[in-house]
Every structure is written in structure tokens, then in C-alpha cells.
């Protein structure tokens, strides 16, 4: 063993919380053992803290880390139009600076793995530099061969930074920006695949008959297929394991059944959906149908941060309000969805998402000192309802510190990202 980390509580997720717990880490960065500090030794002790599996943020956009507040209050279609215009003002170096800042913010929030949809490939470079674990889904838009040619160019750009920790995926953006044929070409690559599905009523209206708010942007979109995105992909035989569907807010019961039948993973982004006025995803129905779900932040363009603690609490409030029952989403289940659930959505549950021997030692240490939950009665409730980036004492990826409170400020990346934001406000 190369390292033992201990705290007042260890929450393995797959197993009961361990009081005065510890995690032993092997030399190769994987977990050797999880148990009591009496058995494993105290090693490096974090008093007043809980140790959690690192959060698995199964849907993010690191390249939008400094877009917070742009177009707040606009309708969804107008909001996207504003962001497309402002993004066009950036150079690739700007996007690298923004993505690096976003990766740092993820680590500060206790996120150790992202499933990131990347417009420019800069997310792959940012993850490689910062130590963040990632599947980077290169985005594809359009209706012709030029879309796949652009993907090939991006793939060549990111190839040098790919590794076992930073992996490649593809993201046909959405059914209103990609034809079924383009989805099929992406699926044929055999890579992990992510897409945006059923995000709003306006999306559904456009896909069915070209009507609604999206009609004003028809020249930027593909022709309406005459059916919803989920049904279109199901009819084309393109739903299946290895696909991540972000949002799934405006879904019918039969569409939920299709997602479950084809084992599509859903990224639930409660803050993004709420702030953009898209609605509240039927989380309880998705889970009851057997759909694999992870809680994710989306991007600061809408959320407006990578604060997964805040995402957890918003998901809890939204689910309980929608169902009008306090057990609609418990703190325990929410934590599972943000760790092991996200790992299952990304197909990484054998490697991350819980603290278990053989998995990567990806961990978040959260201090509860001075919180309203001290002394701690239930460590899961205390961590979920009382945690925040400011309370993250350390974030480890493969057993190595990638963030340490008080020592990891990253001022250079922050300044560069702010300059990039300024260039969009000209």
C-alpha cells in the first residue's frame, strides 16, 4: 500500500457508512481495502470529515465554464442562439483556457470523472492536464459528410492526449441538429455516444411538425423528422447500451419504456432544466422503469456552476415537489445517482463510482466542521445537504491529490478564462 486516508466517516455507497473509516490505496492508484481506521491504520487523517467516492458528472460542457448568466431569462431557442453567436467569437486557445478552468472547478467540487460533450476537443486537453478522469464526446452537427469530416479533424487533434484516464466518445448533438443518418454514422464508430434528448416542449414541437419557438431557427437545424427524437432513434435501431441521453424532460411513458428496454443511460440535470424553464424530468418514473440515471451538472451556461452538491439538493427538491412526497428522492439515493449511477451511465461502474477494492481510488473528502449537521447523526444526509465546494478538503484521482483546499488556487487558468469571457462581451 502506498497511502491510507481516514476520516470520521467513510461512505462507500455500495455498503453502509463506516464510522472512523479508512481507505487503503495501492501503489497503482487503485483501492486496496475499505474498512475501519483501527484495522487499516489512520494514515493521513481528516478529522471532522467524510470520505465519499468522487462524483461522476455524467453530462458536462467544460468548454462553457465561463458562460454563466449569458441570456438569462430568454426562451430556450433564443438562449441557444445567443450562445452560438458568442462562442463564434472564441479561438481554440480561448476554449482550452475555459475548459481548463472548468476542469479545475470540477475538481474543487469533488468531481473526479466527467462525461463531457466537447465542441472543440479542448476538454480532452484540459482533463489530461488537470488529472480529471473523462470520456470526451466530440460533438457532431449537421446533415452531410462535412459533419463527420469535422469529427475526424477533432479526433486527430485530441488523439495525443488520450489515455486510459481520458477516453474518446462521440456526440451527435441532438435530433434537431443531426439527422438519423448522421446518428447512424456516429454509432458505426463504435465509440461511447452521448446526445441531448427530449429537453423541452419546444424541441418536441419542432421535431413533430416544425412549429413553435424553434421554427425561427430552422435554417440552423435539420428538417423535422415528424416524430420525437427517442422514437426516431428507436425506429432506426440506434438506441442501445453505451448511449448517454442528457435531460429527457418531455417524455411519454412509452418513451421511458424504450429507454429502459434499450438500456440507455439518462443524465438528469435538474438545475439546467429548471433555470431554462424546460421543466422537471420525471425522475421517479425513470427509476421505476429501470432506466439507469446519473445526476449531472450540465454546463455553467445554464446551471451556472459545476457545484454538484447544489445539483444534488436541486434534484431532491425538484423530485419531491413534482411527486408531492418527501421520499421521492432521498439523500441516499441522490448520492448514489451522483456517484455509482453516473458511473453506470458512462459504463465505468467497474472502475469508479463507489469505494471498493480494485476500483480506482477516486475520492472526495468533505469537511462538516461548523456545519449545521455537526455533530453528525447521518453522514449521508450531512454530506448531501451540507456539502459544498468550499467544504471539499481534498479530491483524489487514482490516489493522487488533484485538489487540496488552501493550496490549489489555479490563478493562471482563472485569469485566462476571464479574458476569454471578456472577448465574448465585446
Protein backbone atom coordinates (compact mmCIF):
# COMPACT_ATOMS: atom_id res chain seq x y z
CA UNK A 1 0.00 0.00 0.00
CA UNK A 2 1.22 3.48 -0.83
CA UNK A 3 -1.26 5.50 1.20
CA UNK A 4 -4.05 5.29 3.78
CA UNK A 5 -6.62 8.08 4.11
CA UNK A 6 -9.02 8.19 7.05
CA UNK A 7 -11.89 10.34 8.34
CA UNK A 8 -14.74 10.38 10.83
CA UNK A 9 -16.85 8.58 8.24
CA UNK A 10 -16.26 6.66 5.01
CA UNK A 11 -19.29 6.32 2.73
CA UNK A 12 -18.56 3.53 0.22
CA UNK A 13 -22.01 3.94 -1.49
CA UNK A 14 -22.05 0.20 -2.18
CA UNK A 15 -22.25 -0.57 1.52
CA UNK A 16 -23.09 1.04 4.83
CA UNK A 17 -21.22 4.12 6.12
CA UNK A 18 -18.19 3.26 8.25
CA UNK A 19 -17.61 5.31 11.39
CA UNK A 20 -13.92 6.12 11.91
CA UNK A 21 -13.26 4.68 8.49
CA UNK A 22 -10.26 4.47 6.21
CA UNK A 23 -9.34 3.71 2.60
CA UNK A 24 -6.06 1.98 1.76
CA UNK A 25 -4.62 2.78 -1.67
CA UNK A 26 -2.29 0.57 -3.71
CA UNK A 27 0.82 1.81 -5.48
CA UNK A 28 -1.01 1.66 -8.82
CA UNK A 29 -3.71 4.09 -7.63
CA UNK A 30 -6.42 1.52 -7.03
CA UNK A 31 -8.16 0.78 -3.74
CA UNK A 32 -6.61 -1.99 -1.66
CA UNK A 33 -9.15 -2.04 1.17
CA UNK A 34 -12.00 -0.12 2.76
CA UNK A 35 -12.67 -0.50 6.47
CA UNK A 36 -12.11 0.93 9.90
CA UNK A 37 -9.05 3.01 10.74
CA UNK A 38 -8.50 0.62 13.65
CA UNK A 39 -7.88 -2.15 11.10
CA UNK A 40 -6.23 -0.20 8.28
CA UNK A 41 -4.45 2.50 10.28
CA UNK A 42 -5.26 6.19 10.41
CA UNK A 43 -2.65 7.15 7.83
CA UNK A 44 -3.46 10.68 6.70
CA UNK A 45 -6.38 11.64 8.92
CA UNK A 46 -9.07 14.20 8.03
CA UNK A 47 -10.85 14.98 11.32
CA UNK A 48 -14.42 16.24 11.06
CA UNK A 49 -14.70 14.92 7.50
CA UNK A 50 -16.45 12.27 5.44
CA UNK A 51 -14.82 10.43 2.57
CA UNK A 52 -17.08 9.88 -0.46
CA UNK A 53 -16.48 8.32 -3.86
CA UNK A 54 -15.56 11.07 -6.28
CA UNK A 55 -18.63 12.46 -8.02
CA UNK A 56 -19.21 11.17 -11.55
CA UNK A 57 -20.64 14.10 -13.54
CA UNK A 58 -22.09 12.20 -16.47
CA UNK A 59 -23.05 15.26 -18.52
CA UNK A 60 -20.93 18.41 -18.61
CA UNK A 61 -19.53 21.00 -21.02
CA UNK A 62 -16.16 22.12 -19.67
CA UNK A 63 -15.72 24.48 -22.61
CA UNK A 64 -18.63 26.61 -21.34
CA UNK A 65 -17.24 27.13 -17.85
CA UNK A 66 -17.35 30.95 -18.08
CA UNK A 67 -20.70 31.34 -19.86
CA UNK A 68 -22.67 31.91 -16.65
CA UNK A 69 -25.56 34.34 -16.98
CA UNK A 70 -25.49 34.75 -20.75
CA UNK A 71 -29.10 35.20 -21.90
CA UNK A 72 -30.68 34.54 -18.52
CA UNK A 73 -34.45 34.57 -18.88
CA UNK A 74 -34.51 34.03 -22.65
CA UNK A 75 -36.58 31.27 -24.17
CA UNK A 76 -34.62 28.08 -24.79
CA UNK A 77 -34.25 28.53 -28.56
CA UNK A 78 -33.20 32.20 -28.24
CA UNK A 79 -30.82 31.27 -25.44
CA UNK A 80 -29.07 28.71 -27.64
CA UNK A 81 -28.90 31.22 -30.49
CA UNK A 82 -27.15 33.74 -28.24
CA UNK A 83 -24.61 31.16 -27.11
CA UNK A 84 -23.85 30.03 -30.66
CA UNK A 85 -23.12 33.64 -31.61
CA UNK A 86 -20.88 34.33 -28.64
CA UNK A 87 -18.99 31.06 -28.99
CA UNK A 88 -18.12 32.04 -32.56
CA UNK A 89 -16.00 34.89 -31.15
CA UNK A 90 -13.57 32.50 -29.45
CA UNK A 91 -10.32 31.00 -30.71
CA UNK A 92 -9.27 27.44 -29.87
CA UNK A 93 -6.78 28.74 -27.29
CA UNK A 94 -9.65 30.54 -25.56
CA UNK A 95 -11.61 27.32 -25.41
CA UNK A 96 -8.62 25.50 -23.93
CA UNK A 97 -8.32 28.15 -21.21
CA UNK A 98 -12.03 27.94 -20.42
CA UNK A 99 -12.05 24.14 -20.37
CA UNK A 100 -9.00 24.02 -18.08
CA UNK A 101 -10.72 26.39 -15.68
CA UNK A 102 -13.82 24.20 -15.85
CA UNK A 103 -11.81 21.07 -15.06
CA UNK A 104 -10.29 22.80 -12.04
CA UNK A 105 -13.74 23.84 -10.85
CA UNK A 106 -14.96 20.25 -11.18
CA UNK A 107 -12.11 19.01 -9.02
CA UNK A 108 -12.85 21.73 -6.46
CA UNK A 109 -16.44 20.50 -6.36
CA UNK A 110 -15.37 16.92 -5.66
CA UNK A 111 -15.95 15.72 -9.22
CA UNK A 112 -13.39 13.15 -10.33
CA UNK A 113 -14.98 11.92 -13.59
CA UNK A 114 -16.88 13.73 -16.32
CA UNK A 115 -18.78 12.68 -19.39
CA UNK A 116 -18.09 15.85 -21.33
CA UNK A 117 -19.65 16.96 -24.60
CA UNK A 118 -16.93 18.94 -26.35
CA UNK A 119 -17.36 21.33 -29.28
CA UNK A 120 -13.65 21.92 -29.92
CA UNK A 121 -11.88 18.99 -28.27
CA UNK A 122 -10.39 21.32 -25.67
CA UNK A 123 -11.99 19.31 -22.87
CA UNK A 124 -9.72 16.37 -23.62
CA UNK A 125 -6.64 18.54 -23.29
CA UNK A 126 -7.98 20.11 -20.09
CA UNK A 127 -8.69 16.75 -18.50
CA UNK A 128 -5.26 15.46 -19.43
CA UNK A 129 -3.53 18.48 -17.89
CA UNK A 130 -5.53 18.64 -14.67
CA UNK A 131 -5.81 14.94 -13.88
CA UNK A 132 -9.58 14.77 -14.25
CA UNK A 133 -10.95 11.43 -15.46
CA UNK A 134 -13.09 11.89 -18.57
CA UNK A 135 -14.92 10.47 -21.51
CA UNK A 136 -14.83 13.34 -24.00
CA UNK A 137 -17.66 13.13 -26.51
CA UNK A 138 -16.68 15.18 -29.58
CA UNK A 139 -19.79 16.96 -30.83
CA UNK A 140 -21.18 16.45 -34.32
CA UNK A 141 -23.77 18.66 -36.02
CA UNK A 142 -25.41 18.64 -39.44
CA UNK A 143 -26.83 16.51 -42.16
CA UNK A 144 -23.95 15.71 -44.52
CA UNK A 145 -20.43 14.32 -44.81
CA UNK A 146 -18.90 17.60 -43.60
CA UNK A 147 -20.05 16.77 -40.09
CA UNK A 148 -18.01 13.56 -39.96
CA UNK A 149 -15.03 15.27 -41.59
CA UNK A 150 -15.04 17.80 -38.76
CA UNK A 151 -15.21 14.95 -36.24
CA UNK A 152 -12.16 13.35 -37.87
CA UNK A 153 -10.23 16.63 -37.58
CA UNK A 154 -11.11 16.95 -33.90
CA UNK A 155 -10.20 13.33 -33.29
CA UNK A 156 -6.75 13.91 -34.77
CA UNK A 157 -6.33 16.98 -32.55
CA UNK A 158 -7.12 15.16 -29.30
CA UNK A 159 -5.52 11.81 -30.10
CA UNK A 160 -2.16 12.70 -28.46
CA UNK A 161 -3.76 13.34 -25.05
CA UNK A 162 -5.98 10.25 -24.91
CA UNK A 163 -5.18 7.59 -22.32
CA UNK A 164 -6.87 5.10 -20.01
CA UNK A 165 -7.96 8.12 -17.96
CA UNK A 166 -9.05 10.38 -20.84
CA UNK A 167 -11.11 8.47 -23.38
CA UNK A 168 -12.80 9.35 -26.63
CA UNK A 169 -16.52 9.39 -27.42
CA UNK A 170 -18.80 10.96 -30.00
CA UNK A 171 -21.82 13.20 -29.50
CA UNK A 172 -24.35 13.68 -32.27
CA UNK A 173 -25.68 16.81 -30.63
CA UNK A 174 -29.47 16.39 -30.76
CA UNK A 175 -32.26 15.23 -33.09
CA UNK A 176 -32.87 18.84 -34.20
CA UNK A 177 -29.23 19.32 -35.25
CA UNK A 178 -28.45 15.82 -36.56
CA UNK A 179 -30.28 13.56 -38.99
CA UNK A 180 -30.96 9.91 -38.23
CA UNK A 181 -28.37 9.08 -40.88
CA UNK A 182 -25.74 11.12 -39.04
CA UNK A 183 -26.62 9.36 -35.78
CA UNK A 184 -26.09 6.06 -37.60
CA UNK A 185 -22.66 7.17 -38.84
CA UNK A 186 -21.68 8.16 -35.30
CA UNK A 187 -22.93 4.85 -33.88
CA UNK A 188 -20.92 2.97 -36.51
CA UNK A 189 -17.70 4.36 -35.00
CA UNK A 190 -18.14 2.00 -32.05
CA UNK A 191 -17.34 4.74 -29.54
CA UNK A 192 -19.25 5.75 -26.40
CA UNK A 193 -22.06 8.02 -27.57
CA UNK A 194 -23.85 10.93 -25.88
CA UNK A 195 -26.70 13.11 -27.10
CA UNK A 196 -29.31 15.60 -25.91
CA UNK A 197 -32.83 14.18 -25.96
CA UNK A 198 -36.32 15.44 -25.10
CA UNK A 199 -35.03 18.54 -23.35
CA UNK A 200 -38.10 20.74 -23.83
CA UNK A 201 -41.65 21.00 -25.13
CA UNK A 202 -40.35 23.41 -27.79
CA UNK A 203 -37.95 20.74 -29.04
CA UNK A 204 -40.78 18.24 -29.30
CA UNK A 205 -42.99 20.66 -31.23
CA UNK A 206 -40.26 21.36 -33.78
CA UNK A 207 -39.40 17.70 -34.27
CA UNK A 208 -43.04 16.76 -34.83
CA UNK A 209 -44.02 19.40 -37.39
CA UNK A 210 -41.54 22.29 -37.43
CA UNK A 211 -43.73 24.51 -35.29
CA UNK A 212 -43.11 26.52 -32.13
CA UNK A 213 -40.19 28.64 -30.95
CA UNK A 214 -37.64 26.59 -32.87
CA UNK A 215 -39.20 27.50 -36.23
CA UNK A 216 -37.31 30.81 -36.23
CA UNK A 217 -34.03 28.89 -36.22
CA UNK A 218 -34.99 26.34 -38.89
CA UNK A 219 -32.09 27.36 -41.14
CA UNK A 220 -29.65 26.20 -38.39
CA UNK A 221 -31.45 22.87 -37.86
CA UNK A 222 -32.15 19.67 -39.74
CA UNK A 223 -35.60 19.04 -41.26
CA UNK A 224 -38.13 17.86 -38.65
CA UNK A 225 -38.35 14.05 -38.73
CA UNK A 226 -42.05 14.04 -37.83
CA UNK A 227 -41.55 12.20 -34.53
CA UNK A 228 -39.73 12.72 -31.28
CA UNK A 229 -36.03 12.08 -31.00
CA UNK A 230 -36.44 8.97 -28.87
CA UNK A 231 -38.93 7.42 -31.28
CA UNK A 232 -36.81 8.38 -34.28
CA UNK A 233 -33.73 6.69 -32.83
CA UNK A 234 -35.71 3.64 -31.70
CA UNK A 235 -37.23 3.16 -35.16
CA UNK A 236 -33.74 3.41 -36.69
CA UNK A 237 -32.38 0.82 -34.26
CA UNK A 238 -29.99 3.35 -32.75
CA UNK A 239 -30.95 3.23 -29.07
CA UNK A 240 -28.75 0.94 -27.03
CA UNK A 241 -26.23 0.41 -24.25
CA UNK A 242 -23.37 2.85 -24.38
CA UNK A 243 -25.64 5.80 -25.21
CA UNK A 244 -26.00 8.69 -22.76
CA UNK A 245 -29.18 10.72 -23.17
CA UNK A 246 -29.00 14.08 -21.44
CA UNK A 247 -32.18 15.61 -19.96
CA UNK A 248 -35.22 13.51 -21.01
CA UNK A 249 -37.63 16.07 -19.56
CA UNK A 250 -40.51 15.93 -22.06
CA UNK A 251 -41.01 12.17 -22.32
CA UNK A 252 -44.07 9.94 -22.56
CA UNK A 253 -44.45 6.62 -20.75
CA UNK A 254 -43.74 4.63 -23.91
CA UNK A 255 -40.54 6.62 -24.47
CA UNK A 256 -39.39 5.88 -20.93
CA UNK A 257 -40.06 2.22 -21.65
CA UNK A 258 -37.92 2.44 -24.80
CA UNK A 259 -35.03 3.95 -22.83
CA UNK A 260 -35.27 1.15 -20.27
CA UNK A 261 -35.66 -1.60 -22.88
CA UNK A 262 -32.57 -0.46 -24.78
CA UNK A 263 -30.55 0.29 -21.62
CA UNK A 264 -29.92 3.94 -22.49
CA UNK A 265 -28.39 5.90 -19.61
CA UNK A 266 -30.01 9.22 -18.68
CA UNK A 267 -28.15 12.26 -17.32
CA UNK A 268 -30.54 14.17 -15.05
CA UNK A 269 -29.70 17.90 -14.94
CA UNK A 270 -32.28 19.44 -12.62
CA UNK A 271 -30.75 22.91 -12.31
CA UNK A 272 -30.26 23.36 -16.05
CA UNK A 273 -33.77 22.18 -16.87
CA UNK A 274 -35.28 24.41 -14.20
CA UNK A 275 -33.31 27.57 -14.94
CA UNK A 276 -34.01 27.31 -18.67
CA UNK A 277 -37.71 26.79 -17.99
CA UNK A 278 -37.71 23.38 -19.65
CA UNK A 279 -39.45 21.63 -16.76
CA UNK A 280 -38.69 18.83 -14.33
CA UNK A 281 -37.71 15.41 -15.61
CA UNK A 282 -39.86 12.52 -14.32
CA UNK A 283 -37.03 11.07 -12.27
CA UNK A 284 -39.16 8.74 -10.18
CA UNK A 285 -40.82 7.29 -13.31
CA UNK A 286 -37.45 6.79 -15.00
CA UNK A 287 -36.06 4.93 -11.99
CA UNK A 288 -39.24 2.89 -11.53
CA UNK A 289 -39.00 1.77 -15.16
CA UNK A 290 -35.44 0.55 -14.60
CA UNK A 291 -33.66 3.33 -16.50
CA UNK A 292 -30.06 3.91 -15.40
CA UNK A 293 -29.83 7.53 -14.22
CA UNK A 294 -27.00 9.79 -13.09
CA UNK A 295 -27.22 13.28 -11.63
CA UNK A 296 -25.16 15.76 -13.64
CA UNK A 297 -24.48 19.49 -13.76
CA UNK A 298 -24.70 20.23 -17.50
CA UNK A 299 -22.73 23.46 -18.09
CA UNK A 300 -22.37 26.78 -16.28
CA UNK A 301 -24.08 28.32 -19.29
CA UNK A 302 -27.32 27.30 -17.61
CA UNK A 303 -26.67 25.88 -14.17
CA UNK A 304 -24.49 28.20 -13.59
CA UNK A 305 -21.66 26.18 -11.96
CA UNK A 306 -20.11 22.75 -11.60
CA UNK A 307 -21.30 22.59 -7.96
CA UNK A 308 -22.58 19.04 -7.76
CA UNK A 309 -23.66 19.47 -4.13
CA UNK A 310 -26.09 22.16 -5.26
CA UNK A 311 -27.16 19.87 -8.10
CA UNK A 312 -27.94 17.12 -5.60
CA UNK A 313 -30.09 19.40 -3.49
CA UNK A 314 -31.92 20.79 -6.53
CA UNK A 315 -32.63 17.26 -7.75
CA UNK A 316 -34.05 16.37 -4.35
CA UNK A 317 -36.26 19.47 -4.17
CA UNK A 318 -37.48 19.06 -7.76
CA UNK A 319 -38.32 15.36 -7.37
CA UNK A 320 -40.15 15.88 -4.08
CA UNK A 321 -42.07 18.88 -5.42
CA UNK A 322 -43.05 17.06 -8.61
CA UNK A 323 -44.24 13.94 -6.79
CA UNK A 324 -45.54 15.78 -3.71
CA UNK A 325 -43.90 13.29 -1.38
CA UNK A 326 -40.75 13.58 0.75
CA UNK A 327 -39.42 10.14 -0.17
CA UNK A 328 -39.48 10.80 -3.92
CA UNK A 329 -35.71 11.21 -3.78
CA UNK A 330 -33.77 10.58 -0.58
CA UNK A 331 -30.29 11.89 0.19
CA UNK A 332 -29.00 8.32 -0.02
CA UNK A 333 -30.43 7.74 -3.49
CA UNK A 334 -29.29 11.16 -4.70
CA UNK A 335 -25.73 10.40 -3.63
CA UNK A 336 -25.88 7.03 -5.37
CA UNK A 337 -27.05 8.70 -8.59
CA UNK A 338 -24.21 11.25 -8.46
CA UNK A 339 -21.56 8.58 -7.96
CA UNK A 340 -22.34 4.98 -8.85
CA UNK A 341 -25.32 5.97 -11.02
CA UNK A 342 -23.21 8.36 -13.08
CA UNK A 343 -20.55 5.66 -13.44
CA UNK A 344 -23.18 3.20 -14.71
CA UNK A 345 -24.47 5.77 -17.22
CA UNK A 346 -20.93 6.18 -18.58
CA UNK A 347 -20.20 2.44 -18.49
CA UNK A 348 -17.44 2.95 -15.93
CA UNK A 349 -19.06 1.30 -12.90
CA UNK A 350 -16.42 -1.43 -12.77
CA UNK A 351 -13.78 1.26 -12.32
CA UNK A 352 -15.26 4.21 -10.39
CA UNK A 353 -18.41 5.38 -8.60
CA UNK A 354 -18.00 3.59 -5.29
CA UNK A 355 -15.25 2.82 -2.81
CA UNK A 356 -14.42 -0.83 -3.25
CA UNK A 357 -11.21 -2.88 -3.55
CA UNK A 358 -9.90 -2.93 -7.11
CA UNK A 359 -11.57 0.29 -8.20
CA UNK A 360 -9.64 3.48 -8.82
CA UNK A 361 -9.03 5.49 -5.65
CA UNK A 362 -11.15 8.43 -6.83
CA UNK A 363 -12.35 10.13 -3.66
CA UNK A 364 -13.74 13.36 -2.26
CA UNK A 365 -13.07 14.42 1.31
CA UNK A 366 -15.77 16.75 2.66
CA UNK A 367 -15.46 18.69 5.91
CA UNK A 368 -18.56 19.08 8.09
CA UNK A 369 -16.79 21.12 10.76
CA UNK A 370 -19.00 24.04 11.77
CA UNK A 371 -21.89 22.90 9.57
CA UNK A 372 -25.49 22.71 10.84
CA UNK A 373 -25.12 18.91 10.72
CA UNK A 374 -22.35 18.74 13.33
CA UNK A 375 -22.32 16.56 15.39
CA UNK A 376 -23.26 14.18 12.62
CA UNK A 377 -26.26 11.91 13.00
CA UNK A 378 -26.44 10.61 9.42
CA UNK A 379 -23.25 11.19 7.39
CA UNK A 380 -25.02 10.78 4.04
CA UNK A 381 -27.65 13.41 4.85
CA UNK A 382 -24.95 15.69 6.28
CA UNK A 383 -22.75 15.40 3.18
CA UNK A 384 -25.57 15.77 0.64
CA UNK A 385 -27.50 18.57 2.34
CA UNK A 386 -24.50 20.29 3.94
CA UNK A 387 -21.68 19.83 1.42
CA UNK A 388 -20.31 22.49 -0.91
CA UNK A 389 -17.13 23.14 -2.91
CA UNK A 390 -15.92 25.32 -0.05
CA UNK A 391 -16.17 22.27 2.22
CA UNK A 392 -14.17 19.97 -0.06
CA UNK A 393 -10.88 19.37 1.76
CA UNK A 394 -9.32 17.19 -0.94
CA UNK A 395 -10.13 15.49 -4.23
CA UNK A 396 -8.12 12.42 -5.24
CA UNK A 397 -7.96 10.77 -8.65
CA UNK A 398 -6.18 7.40 -8.81
CA UNK A 399 -5.00 8.04 -5.26
CA UNK A 400 -3.28 11.32 -6.12
CA UNK A 401 -4.27 14.74 -4.82
CA UNK A 402 -5.76 16.73 -7.69
CA UNK A 403 -7.26 19.39 -5.43
CA UNK A 404 -6.34 20.41 -1.89
CA UNK A 405 -8.18 23.18 -0.08
CA UNK A 406 -5.91 26.09 0.69
CA UNK A 407 -3.18 25.09 -1.75
CA UNK A 408 -4.92 24.63 -5.14
CA UNK A 409 -5.89 28.12 -6.31
CA UNK A 410 -5.01 27.89 -10.05
CA UNK A 411 -4.88 31.68 -10.59
CA UNK A 412 -3.36 31.46 -14.08
CA UNK A 413 -6.16 29.35 -15.53
CA UNK A 414 -8.76 31.59 -13.87
CA UNK A 415 -7.26 34.75 -15.38
CA UNK A 416 -7.02 33.20 -18.84
CA UNK A 417 -10.64 32.04 -18.66
CA UNK A 418 -11.81 35.50 -17.61
CA UNK A 419 -10.01 37.04 -20.55
CA UNK A 420 -11.83 34.61 -22.84
CA UNK A 421 -15.16 35.58 -21.27
CA UNK A 422 -14.35 39.24 -21.82
CA UNK A 423 -13.74 38.59 -25.51
CA UNK A 424 -17.33 37.32 -25.82
CA UNK A 425 -18.72 40.53 -24.30
CA UNK A 426 -17.26 42.87 -26.91
